[in-house]
Amino acid sequence: MTVKTTYIQTLDGKTKIEWWEKSDFQGRSTDIYTMNDKLQAEEQVAHIPIPDGVVLCDFCNEKIIEFPVAVMGSYALCKKCYEDIKKEGEDKYGQTS
């Protein structure tokens, strides 16, 4: 996977953004674990594959249909959420140079 990387100002400061194509989201899955009293994972309960054609914004849950997609950390962002996060950072710190 080769991705383009940019940086934006967020409320947390300078933040790395990767730009993923639709094919970069293939083969994903999620795991569900039981937790103990200290909120530590104990036992894997389920391993759930995520369909390749399903890409949702991790902030608002809208289906993403335009690619490439901004990925901040492990969070996929729709265009609106990306712009909102970027604007909040620019309003606080100024534009990224």
Protein backbone atom coordinates (compact mmCIF):
# COMPACT_ATOMS: atom_id res chain seq x y z
CA MET A 1 0.00 0.00 0.00
CA THR A 2 1.47 3.33 -1.07
CA VAL A 3 -0.34 6.35 0.35
CA LYS A 4 0.03 10.08 0.04
CA THR A 5 0.72 11.78 3.38
CA THR A 6 -0.12 15.35 4.33
CA TYR A 7 -0.32 17.26 7.61
CA ILE A 8 -3.05 19.53 8.94
CA GLN A 9 -3.51 21.56 12.08
CA THR A 10 -6.08 20.03 14.44
CA LEU A 11 -7.02 20.96 17.98
CA ASP A 12 -4.20 18.59 19.02
CA GLY A 13 -1.65 20.43 16.85
CA LYS A 14 0.03 19.21 13.67
CA THR A 15 -1.58 15.91 12.64
CA LYS A 16 -0.61 13.38 9.98
CA ILE A 17 -3.24 12.53 7.36
CA GLU A 18 -2.91 9.56 5.01
CA TRP A 19 -4.95 9.44 1.81
CA TRP A 20 -6.28 5.93 1.12
CA GLU A 21 -7.78 4.62 -2.11
CA LYS A 22 -10.78 2.28 -2.03
CA SER A 23 -8.50 -0.74 -2.54
CA ASP A 24 -6.58 0.15 0.65
CA PHE A 25 -9.68 -0.70 2.71
CA GLN A 26 -9.85 -4.33 1.49
CA GLY A 27 -9.35 -7.23 3.89
CA ARG A 28 -10.30 -5.35 7.08
CA SER A 29 -11.80 -6.92 10.18
CA THR A 30 -12.63 -6.10 13.76
CA ASP A 31 -12.31 -8.12 16.95
CA ILE A 32 -14.59 -8.11 19.97
CA TYR A 33 -13.15 -8.91 23.40
CA THR A 34 -14.47 -9.37 26.91
CA MET A 35 -13.10 -6.85 29.43
CA ASN A 36 -12.06 -7.27 33.06
CA ASP A 37 -12.73 -4.86 35.95
CA LYS A 38 -9.69 -2.78 34.94
CA LEU A 39 -11.07 -2.41 31.38
CA GLN A 40 -8.34 -4.62 29.94
CA ALA A 41 -9.10 -7.05 27.12
CA GLU A 42 -9.27 -10.62 28.37
CA GLU A 43 -10.67 -12.98 25.79
CA GLN A 44 -11.49 -12.60 22.10
CA VAL A 45 -15.19 -13.31 21.62
CA ALA A 46 -15.59 -12.71 17.89
CA HIS A 47 -13.61 -11.89 14.76
CA ILE A 48 -15.82 -10.05 12.26
CA PRO A 49 -14.73 -9.38 8.66
CA ILE A 50 -15.76 -5.99 7.25
CA PRO A 51 -17.09 -6.12 3.66
CA ASP A 52 -14.62 -4.51 1.24
CA GLY A 53 -17.30 -2.24 -0.24
CA VAL A 54 -18.26 -0.73 3.12
CA VAL A 55 -16.25 2.34 4.15
CA LEU A 56 -17.84 4.51 6.83
CA CYS A 57 -16.69 7.74 8.41
CA ASP A 58 -15.48 6.88 11.90
CA PHE A 59 -16.80 10.22 13.21
CA CYS A 60 -20.33 10.50 11.75
CA ASN A 61 -20.92 6.98 10.29
CA GLU A 62 -21.79 8.29 6.81
CA LYS A 63 -20.95 5.94 3.96
CA ILE A 64 -17.85 7.17 2.12
CA ILE A 65 -18.13 7.02 -1.66
CA GLU A 66 -15.45 9.52 -2.76
CA PHE A 67 -11.82 8.44 -2.84
CA PRO A 68 -9.08 8.97 -1.83
CA VAL A 69 -10.19 9.17 1.82
CA ALA A 70 -8.47 11.10 4.60
CA VAL A 71 -7.33 8.72 7.35
CA MET A 72 -6.26 10.30 10.64
CA GLY A 73 -4.54 7.71 12.81
CA SER A 74 -6.85 4.74 12.30
CA TYR A 75 -9.96 6.85 11.62
CA ALA A 76 -11.44 7.20 8.12
CA LEU A 77 -13.00 10.64 7.61
CA CYS A 78 -15.70 11.71 5.19
CA LYS A 79 -15.06 14.97 3.36
CA LYS A 80 -17.29 16.99 5.73
CA CYS A 81 -15.68 15.67 8.93
CA TYR A 82 -12.20 16.18 7.48
CA GLU A 83 -13.02 19.79 6.57
CA ASP A 84 -14.59 20.41 10.01
CA ILE A 85 -11.53 19.05 11.84
CA LYS A 86 -9.17 21.00 9.60
CA LYS A 87 -11.16 24.25 10.07
CA GLU A 88 -11.19 23.88 13.88
CA GLY A 89 -7.40 23.53 13.88
CA GLU A 90 -6.90 26.44 11.49
CA ASP A 91 -9.20 28.63 13.61
CA LYS A 92 -7.09 27.84 16.69
CA TYR A 93 -3.56 27.73 15.25
CA GLY A 94 -3.72 29.31 11.79
CA GLN A 95 -3.26 27.57 8.45
CA THR A 96 -0.69 24.83 7.90
CA SER A 97 2.28 26.11 5.93
